[in-house]
PDB file of N, CA and C in Angstrom:
ATOM      1  N   MET A   1     117.930-123.485  11.526  1.00  0.00           N
ATOM      2  CA  MET A   1     118.206-123.562  12.948  1.00  0.00           C
ATOM      3  C   MET A   1     119.023-122.360  13.414  1.00  0.00           C
ATOM      4  N   PHE A   2     120.049-122.027  12.634  1.00  0.00           N
ATOM      5  CA  PHE A   2     120.911-120.912  13.010  1.00  0.00           C
ATOM      6  C   PHE A   2     120.140-119.595  12.968  1.00  0.00           C
ATOM      7  N   SER A   3     119.258-119.433  11.997  1.00  0.00           N
ATOM      8  CA  SER A   3     118.489-118.189  11.888  1.00  0.00           C
ATOM      9  C   SER A   3     117.517-118.039  13.063  1.00  0.00           C
ATOM     10  N   GLN A   4     116.994-119.144  13.574  1.00  0.00           N
ATOM     11  CA  GLN A   4     116.108-119.079  14.735  1.00  0.00           C
ATOM     12  C   GLN A   4     116.872-118.642  15.978  1.00  0.00           C
ATOM     13  N   VAL A   5     118.098-119.129  16.106  1.00  0.00           N
ATOM     14  CA  VAL A   5     118.922-118.733  17.252  1.00  0.00           C
ATOM     15  C   VAL A   5     119.255-117.251  17.161  1.00  0.00           C
ATOM     16  N   VAL A   6     119.575-116.773  15.954  1.00  0.00           N
ATOM     17  CA  VAL A   6     119.874-115.351  15.760  1.00  0.00           C
ATOM     18  C   VAL A   6     118.644-114.507  16.076  1.00  0.00           C
ATOM     19  N   GLN A   7     117.460-114.938  15.640  1.00  0.00           N
ATOM     20  CA  GLN A   7     116.230-114.205  15.950  1.00  0.00           C
ATOM     21  C   GLN A   7     115.961-114.188  17.450  1.00  0.00           C
ATOM     22  N   LEU A   8     116.217-115.298  18.115  1.00  0.00           N
ATOM     23  CA  LEU A   8     116.033-115.360  19.568  1.00  0.00           C
ATOM     24  C   LEU A   8     116.982-114.408  20.279  1.00  0.00           C
ATOM     25  N   ILE A   9     118.219-114.368  19.843  1.00  0.00           N
ATOM     26  CA  ILE A   9     119.192-113.452  20.464  1.00  0.00           C
ATOM     27  C   ILE A   9     118.810-112.006  20.188  1.00  0.00           C
ATOM     28  N   GLU A  10     118.388-111.694  18.957  1.00  0.00           N
ATOM     29  CA  GLU A  10     117.957-110.334  18.639  1.00  0.00           C
ATOM     30  C   GLU A  10     116.742-109.925  19.470  1.00  0.00           C
ATOM     31  N   GLY A  11     115.798-110.822  19.653  1.00  0.00           N
ATOM     32  CA  GLY A  11     114.635-110.533  20.489  1.00  0.00           C
ATOM     33  C   GLY A  11     115.021-110.289  21.934  1.00  0.00           C
ATOM     34  N   THR A  12     115.952-111.099  22.438  1.00  0.00           N
ATOM     35  CA  THR A  12     116.413-110.931  23.817  1.00  0.00           C
ATOM     36  C   THR A  12     117.114-109.597  23.994  1.00  0.00           C
ATOM     37  N   VAL A  13     117.957-109.224  23.040  1.00  0.00           N
ATOM     38  CA  VAL A  13     118.660-107.944  23.111  1.00  0.00           C
ATOM     39  C   VAL A  13     117.662-106.788  23.029  1.00  0.00           C
ATOM     40  N   SER A  14     116.641-106.930  22.209  1.00  0.00           N
ATOM     41  CA  SER A  14     115.624-105.889  22.086  1.00  0.00           C
ATOM     42  C   SER A  14     114.856-105.708  23.396  1.00  0.00           C
ATOM     43  N   VAL A  15     114.474-106.813  24.009  1.00  0.00           N
ATOM     44  CA  VAL A  15     113.762-106.733  25.295  1.00  0.00           C
ATOM     45  C   VAL A  15     114.662-106.142  26.370  1.00  0.00           C
ATOM     46  N   ALA A  16     115.921-106.519  26.372  1.00  0.00           N
ATOM     47  CA  ALA A  16     116.857-105.974  27.360  1.00  0.00           C
ATOM     48  C   ALA A  16     117.050-104.473  27.161  1.00  0.00           C
ATOM     49  N   ALA A  17     117.126-104.036  25.908  1.00  0.00           N
ATOM     50  CA  ALA A  17     117.273-102.598  25.646  1.00  0.00           C
ATOM     51  C   ALA A  17     116.027-101.835  26.095  1.00  0.00           C
ATOM     52  N   THR A  18     114.862-102.410  25.858  1.00  0.00           N
ATOM     53  CA  THR A  18     113.616-101.770  26.301  1.00  0.00           C
ATOM     54  C   THR A  18     113.567-101.678  27.822  1.00  0.00           C
ATOM     55  N   ALA A  19     113.945-102.748  28.495  1.00  0.00           N
ATOM     56  CA  ALA A  19     113.972-102.736  29.963  1.00  0.00           C
ATOM     57  C   ALA A  19     114.976-101.718  30.477  1.00  0.00           C
ATOM     58  N   GLN A  20     116.113-101.603  29.821  1.00  0.00           N
ATOM     59  CA  GLN A  20     117.124-100.637  30.252  1.00  0.00           C
ATOM     60  C   GLN A  20     116.610 -99.202  30.077  1.00  0.00           C
ATOM     61  N   ARG A  21     115.881 -98.940  29.002  1.00  0.00           N
ATOM     62  CA  ARG A  21     115.313 -97.605  28.800  1.00  0.00           C
ATOM     63  C   ARG A  21     114.284 -97.285  29.885  1.00  0.00           C
ATOM     64  N   TRP A  22     113.440 -98.267  30.253  1.00  0.00           N
ATOM     65  CA  TRP A  22     112.459 -98.035  31.313  1.00  0.00           C
ATOM     66  C   TRP A  22     113.131 -97.765  32.648  1.00  0.00           C
ATOM     67  N   VAL A  23     114.153 -98.520  32.961  1.00  0.00           N
ATOM     68  CA  VAL A  23     114.871 -98.308  34.223  1.00  0.00           C
ATOM     69  C   VAL A  23     115.537 -96.944  34.227  1.00  0.00           C
ATOM     70  N   ALA A  24     116.119 -96.555  33.100  1.00  0.00           N
ATOM     71  CA  ALA A  24     116.762 -95.242  33.016  1.00  0.00           C
ATOM     72  C   ALA A  24     115.737 -94.123  33.130  1.00  0.00           C
ATOM     73  N   PHE A  25     114.536 -94.348  32.613  1.00  0.00           N
ATOM     74  CA  PHE A  25     113.489 -93.320  32.704  1.00  0.00           C
ATOM     75  C   PHE A  25     113.069 -93.085  34.148  1.00  0.00           C
ATOM     76  N   TRP A  26     112.957 -94.129  34.941  1.00  0.00           N
ATOM     77  CA  TRP A  26     112.481 -93.998  36.316  1.00  0.00           C
ATOM     78  C   TRP A  26     113.589 -93.815  37.338  1.00  0.00           C
ATOM     79  N   SER A  27     114.824 -93.810  36.908  1.00  0.00           N
ATOM     80  CA  SER A  27     115.926 -93.631  37.856  1.00  0.00           C
ATOM     81  C   SER A  27     116.080 -92.153  38.194  1.00  0.00           C
ATOM     82  N   PRO A  28     116.763 -91.841  39.283  1.00  0.00           N
ATOM     83  CA  PRO A  28     116.964 -90.432  39.646  1.00  0.00           C
ATOM     84  C   PRO A  28     117.781 -89.700  38.583  1.00  0.00           C
ATOM     85  N   VAL A  29     117.538 -88.412  38.494  1.00  0.00           N
ATOM     86  CA  VAL A  29     118.237 -87.600  37.499  1.00  0.00           C
ATOM     87  C   VAL A  29     119.695 -87.403  37.880  1.00  0.00           C
ATOM     88  N   ILE A  30     119.938 -87.270  39.165  1.00  0.00           N
ATOM     89  CA  ILE A  30     121.303 -87.043  39.631  1.00  0.00           C
ATOM     90  C   ILE A  30     121.892 -88.349  40.144  1.00  0.00           C
ATOM     91  N   GLU A  31     123.199 -88.438  40.132  1.00  0.00           N
ATOM     92  CA  GLU A  31     123.876 -89.602  40.689  1.00  0.00           C
ATOM     93  C   GLU A  31     123.864 -89.500  42.217  1.00  0.00           C
ATOM     94  N   THR A  32     123.456 -90.564  42.869  1.00  0.00           N
ATOM     95  CA  THR A  32     123.412 -90.576  44.326  1.00  0.00           C
ATOM     96  C   THR A  32     124.240 -91.745  44.844  1.00  0.00           C
ATOM     97  N   PRO A  33     124.815 -91.587  46.021  1.00  0.00           N
ATOM     98  CA  PRO A  33     125.509 -92.728  46.620  1.00  0.00           C
ATOM     99  C   PRO A  33     124.529 -93.869  46.898  1.00  0.00           C
ATOM    100  N   LEU A  34     125.044 -95.059  46.999  1.00  0.00           N
ATOM    101  CA  LEU A  34     124.198 -96.246  47.148  1.00  0.00           C
ATOM    102  C   LEU A  34     123.364 -96.195  48.420  1.00  0.00           C
ATOM    103  N   LEU A  35     123.914 -95.688  49.499  1.00  0.00           N
ATOM    104  CA  LEU A  35     123.180 -95.633  50.761  1.00  0.00           C
ATOM    105  C   LEU A  35     122.164 -94.501  50.800  1.00  0.00           C
ATOM    106  N   LEU A  36     122.352 -93.485  49.960  1.00  0.00           N
ATOM    107  CA  LEU A  36     121.447 -92.341  49.970  1.00  0.00           C
ATOM    108  C   LEU A  36     120.235 -92.540  49.048  1.00  0.00           C
ATOM    109  N   ALA A  37     120.305 -93.479  48.135  1.00  0.00           N
ATOM    110  CA  ALA A  37     119.227 -93.694  47.166  1.00  0.00           C
ATOM    111  C   ALA A  37     117.890 -94.066  47.828  1.00  0.00           C
ATOM    112  N   PRO A  38     117.846 -94.969  48.826  1.00  0.00           N
ATOM    113  CA  PRO A  38     116.546 -95.259  49.471  1.00  0.00           C
ATOM    114  C   PRO A  38     115.969 -94.053  50.210  1.00  0.00           C
ATOM    115  N   VAL A  39     116.822 -93.255  50.811  1.00  0.00           N
ATOM    116  CA  VAL A  39     116.349 -92.059  51.505  1.00  0.00           C
ATOM    117  C   VAL A  39     115.759 -91.073  50.507  1.00  0.00           C
ATOM    118  N   LEU A  40     116.414 -90.927  49.363  1.00  0.00           N
ATOM    119  CA  LEU A  40     115.906 -90.048  48.318  1.00  0.00           C
ATOM    120  C   LEU A  40     114.570 -90.549  47.784  1.00  0.00           C
ATOM    121  N   ALA A  41     114.435 -91.839  47.592  1.00  0.00           N
ATOM    122  CA  ALA A  41     113.178 -92.411  47.111  1.00  0.00           C
ATOM    123  C   ALA A  41     112.064 -92.213  48.140  1.00  0.00           C
ATOM    124  N   LEU A  42     112.366 -92.442  49.404  1.00  0.00           N
ATOM    125  CA  LEU A  42     111.364 -92.251  50.453  1.00  0.00           C
ATOM    126  C   LEU A  42     110.951 -90.791  50.554  1.00  0.00           C
ATOM    127  N   GLY A  43     111.910 -89.888  50.455  1.00  0.00           N
ATOM    128  CA  GLY A  43     111.596 -88.458  50.477  1.00  0.00           C
ATOM    129  C   GLY A  43     110.718 -88.054  49.312  1.00  0.00           C
ATOM    130  N   SER A  44     110.970 -88.626  48.145  1.00  0.00           N
ATOM    131  CA  SER A  44     110.152 -88.325  46.975  1.00  0.00           C
ATOM    132  C   SER A  44     108.718 -88.804  47.158  1.00  0.00           C
ATOM    133  N   VAL A  45     108.559 -90.003  47.700  1.00  0.00           N
ATOM    134  CA  VAL A  45     107.212 -90.539  47.926  1.00  0.00           C
ATOM    135  C   VAL A  45     106.473 -89.715  48.978  1.00  0.00           C
ATOM    136  N   LEU A  46     107.158 -89.335  50.041  1.00  0.00           N
ATOM    137  CA  LEU A  46     106.507 -88.521  51.071  1.00  0.00           C
ATOM    138  C   LEU A  46     106.135 -87.142  50.540  1.00  0.00           C
ATOM    139  N   THR A  47     106.980 -86.557  49.715  1.00  0.00           N
ATOM    140  CA  THR A  47     106.668 -85.261  49.110  1.00  0.00           C
ATOM    141  C   THR A  47     105.465 -85.372  48.194  1.00  0.00           C
ATOM    142  N   LEU A  48     105.411 -86.446  47.413  1.00  0.00           N
ATOM    143  CA  LEU A  48     104.261 -86.664  46.543  1.00  0.00           C
ATOM    144  C   LEU A  48     102.979 -86.821  47.349  1.00  0.00           C
ATOM    145  N   ALA A  49     103.042 -87.550  48.456  1.00  0.00           N
ATOM    146  CA  ALA A  49     101.864 -87.722  49.313  1.00  0.00           C
ATOM    147  C   ALA A  49     101.435 -86.388  49.924  1.00  0.00           C
ATOM    148  N   LEU A  50     102.407 -85.582  50.343  1.00  0.00           N
ATOM    149  CA  LEU A  50     102.091 -84.276  50.925  1.00  0.00           C
ATOM    150  C   LEU A  50     101.430 -83.368  49.895  1.00  0.00           C
ATOM    151  N   LEU A  51     101.970 -83.333  48.683  1.00  0.00           N
ATOM    152  CA  LEU A  51     101.385 -82.486  47.646  1.00  0.00           C
ATOM    153  C   LEU A  51      99.998 -82.979  47.230  1.00  0.00           C
ATOM    154  N   THR A  52      99.787 -84.283  47.243  1.00  0.00           N
ATOM    155  CA  THR A  52      98.465 -84.823  46.948  1.00  0.00           C
ATOM    156  C   THR A  52      97.462 -84.407  48.020  1.00  0.00           C
ATOM    157  N   GLY A  53      97.888 -84.432  49.270  1.00  0.00           N
ATOM    158  CA  GLY A  53      97.020 -83.984  50.357  1.00  0.00           C
ATOM    159  C   GLY A  53      96.675 -82.513  50.254  1.00  0.00           C
ATOM    160  N   ILE A  54      97.658 -81.700  49.874  1.00  0.00           N
ATOM    161  CA  ILE A  54      97.400 -80.271  49.710  1.00  0.00           C
ATOM    162  C   ILE A  54      96.417 -80.033  48.577  1.00  0.00           C
ATOM    163  N   ALA A  55      96.568 -80.765  47.476  1.00  0.00           N
ATOM    164  CA  ALA A  55      95.646 -80.616  46.343  1.00  0.00           C
ATOM    165  C   ALA A  55      94.239 -81.046  46.728  1.00  0.00           C
ATOM    166  N   ALA A  56      94.109 -82.142  47.459  1.00  0.00           N
ATOM    167  CA  ALA A  56      92.787 -82.602  47.886  1.00  0.00           C
ATOM    168  C   ALA A  56      92.144 -81.601  48.846  1.00  0.00           C
ATOM    169  N   ALA A  57      92.932 -81.042  49.749  1.00  0.00           N
ATOM    170  CA  ALA A  57      92.398 -80.043  50.679  1.00  0.00           C
ATOM    171  C   ALA A  57      91.958 -78.787  49.931  1.00  0.00           C
ATOM    172  N   SER A  58      92.722 -78.380  48.935  1.00  0.00           N
ATOM    173  CA  SER A  58      92.350 -77.206  48.145  1.00  0.00           C
ATOM    174  C   SER A  58      91.052 -77.447  47.386  1.00  0.00           C
ATOM    175  N   LEU A  59      90.903 -78.633  46.820  1.00  0.00           N
ATOM    176  CA  LEU A  59      89.666 -78.964  46.114  1.00  0.00           C
ATOM    177  C   LEU A  59      88.479 -78.968  47.072  1.00  0.00           C
ATOM    178  N   THR A  60      88.678 -79.493  48.264  1.00  0.00           N
ATOM    179  CA  THR A  60      87.613 -79.499  49.271  1.00  0.00           C
ATOM    180  C   THR A  60      87.214 -78.079  49.650  1.00  0.00           C
ATOM    181  N   LEU A  61      88.194 -77.216  49.861  1.00  0.00           N
ATOM    182  CA  LEU A  61      87.887 -75.826  50.207  1.00  0.00           C
ATOM    183  C   LEU A  61      87.192 -75.096  49.062  1.00  0.00           C
ATOM    184  N   LEU A  62      87.566 -75.409  47.829  1.00  0.00           N
ATOM    185  CA  LEU A  62      86.888 -74.803  46.683  1.00  0.00           C
ATOM    186  C   LEU A  62      85.421 -75.214  46.645  1.00  0.00           C
ATOM    187  N   ILE A  63      85.128 -76.476  46.868  1.00  0.00           N
ATOM    188  CA  ILE A  63      83.745 -76.955  46.859  1.00  0.00           C
ATOM    189  C   ILE A  63      82.950 -76.319  47.997  1.00  0.00           C
ATOM    190  N   ILE A  64      83.548 -76.213  49.170  1.00  0.00           N
ATOM    191  CA  ILE A  64      82.858 -75.580  50.303  1.00  0.00           C
ATOM    192  C   ILE A  64      82.570 -74.115  49.999  1.00  0.00           C
ATOM    193  N   ALA A  65      83.533 -73.408  49.395  1.00  0.00           N
ATOM    194  CA  ALA A  65      83.319 -71.999  49.060  1.00  0.00           C
ATOM    195  C   ALA A  65      82.224 -71.834  48.006  1.00  0.00           C
ATOM    196  N   LEU A  66      82.187 -72.738  47.031  1.00  0.00           N
ATOM    197  CA  LEU A  66      81.136 -72.643  46.015  1.00  0.00           C
ATOM    198  C   LEU A  66      79.755 -72.929  46.598  1.00  0.00           C
ATOM    199  N   VAL A  67      79.661 -73.877  47.496  1.00  0.00           N
ATOM    200  CA  VAL A  67      78.376 -74.164  48.150  1.00  0.00           C
ATOM    201  C   VAL A  67      77.950 -72.975  49.003  1.00  0.00           C
ATOM    202  N   ALA A  68      78.888 -72.374  49.738  1.00  0.00           N
ATOM    203  CA  ALA A  68      78.560 -71.202  50.549  1.00  0.00           C
ATOM    204  C   ALA A  68      78.113 -70.034  49.671  1.00  0.00           C
ATOM    205  N   LEU A  69      78.762 -69.854  48.525  1.00  0.00           N
ATOM    206  CA  LEU A  69      78.365 -68.794  47.603  1.00  0.00           C
ATOM    207  C   LEU A  69      76.964 -69.055  47.046  1.00  0.00           C
ATOM    208  N   HIS A  70      76.670 -70.281  46.723  1.00  0.00           N
ATOM    209  CA  HIS A  70      75.341 -70.635  46.214  1.00  0.00           C
ATOM    210  C   HIS A  70      74.264 -70.362  47.270  1.00  0.00           C
ATOM    211  N   VAL A  71      74.533 -70.773  48.506  1.00  0.00           N
ATOM    212  CA  VAL A  71      73.567 -70.533  49.587  1.00  0.00           C
ATOM    213  C   VAL A  71      73.396 -69.036  49.816  1.00  0.00           C
ATOM    214  N   LEU A  72      74.478 -68.292  49.779  1.00  0.00           N
ATOM    215  CA  LEU A  72      74.410 -66.846  49.977  1.00  0.00           C
ATOM    216  C   LEU A  72      73.592 -66.181  48.882  1.00  0.00           C
ATOM    217  N   LEU A  73      73.827 -66.559  47.651  1.00  0.00           N
ATOM    218  CA  LEU A  73      73.108 -65.930  46.544  1.00  0.00           C
ATOM    219  C   LEU A  73      71.637 -66.318  46.511  1.00  0.00           C
ATOM    220  N   THR A  74      71.322 -67.581  46.788  1.00  0.00           N
ATOM    221  CA  THR A  74      69.923 -68.017  46.665  1.00  0.00           C
ATOM    222  C   THR A  74      69.105 -67.714  47.913  1.00  0.00           C
ATOM    223  N   ASP A  75      69.587 -68.047  49.088  1.00  0.00           N
ATOM    224  CA  ASP A  75      68.779 -67.898  50.301  1.00  0.00           C
ATOM    225  C   ASP A  75      68.855 -66.508  50.903  1.00  0.00           C
ATOM    226  N   VAL A  76      70.011 -65.880  50.892  1.00  0.00           N
ATOM    227  CA  VAL A  76      70.149 -64.577  51.535  1.00  0.00           C
ATOM    228  C   VAL A  76      69.760 -63.459  50.590  1.00  0.00           C
ATOM    229  N   LEU A  77      70.299 -63.460  49.370  1.00  0.00           N
ATOM    230  CA  LEU A  77      70.036 -62.372  48.440  1.00  0.00           C
ATOM    231  C   LEU A  77      68.848 -62.635  47.534  1.00  0.00           C
ATOM    232  N   GLY A  78      68.382 -63.871  47.473  1.00  0.00           N
ATOM    233  CA  GLY A  78      67.205 -64.193  46.680  1.00  0.00           C
ATOM    234  C   GLY A  78      67.455 -64.237  45.187  1.00  0.00           C
ATOM    235  N   ILE A  79      68.660 -64.410  44.773  1.00  0.00           N
ATOM    236  CA  ILE A  79      68.974 -64.489  43.344  1.00  0.00           C
ATOM    237  C   ILE A  79      68.852 -65.935  42.910  1.00  0.00           C
ATOM    238  N   SER A  80      68.095 -66.137  41.844  1.00  0.00           N
ATOM    239  CA  SER A  80      67.891 -67.489  41.336  1.00  0.00           C
ATOM    240  C   SER A  80      68.921 -67.771  40.242  1.00  0.00           C
ATOM    241  N   ILE A  81      69.551 -68.925  40.335  1.00  0.00           N
ATOM    242  CA  ILE A  81      70.540 -69.321  39.351  1.00  0.00           C
ATOM    243  C   ILE A  81      69.982 -70.499  38.572  1.00  0.00           C
ATOM    244  N   GLU A  82      69.750 -70.312  37.269  1.00  0.00           N
ATOM    245  CA  GLU A  82      69.229 -71.372  36.434  1.00  0.00           C
ATOM    246  C   GLU A  82      70.122 -71.530  35.216  1.00  0.00           C
ATOM    247  N   ILE A  83      70.363 -72.773  34.863  1.00  0.00           N
ATOM    248  CA  ILE A  83      71.180 -73.075  33.702  1.00  0.00           C
ATOM    249  C   ILE A  83      70.335 -73.907  32.744  1.00  0.00           C
ATOM    250  N   ASP A  84      70.116 -73.385  31.554  1.00  0.00           N
ATOM    251  CA  ASP A  84      69.368 -74.124  30.541  1.00  0.00           C
ATOM    252  C   ASP A  84      70.341 -74.825  29.617  1.00  0.00           C
ATOM    253  N   ALA A  85      70.163 -76.132  29.522  1.00  0.00           N
ATOM    254  CA  ALA A  85      71.084 -76.893  28.671  1.00  0.00           C
ATOM    255  C   ALA A  85      70.504 -77.096  27.289  1.00  0.00           C
TER     256      ALA A  85
END
């Protein structure tokens, strides 16, 4: 009976340590005041959304440029592009 209680306590401490490591991993690197932490989190999320939008726009422009290059090479200059796999 006593060994089961000790195993239960050890398991609980192990889970708590794992949870503490996860929380420490996702917490801010710098110490922030309690009232400033939500603003910092919101700013981080908005920055991430902005950078994601910039990346998506860049990918879109790359695809448009490649399509324009393909049309220019095939229809205007008459160069055939073939890829044998």
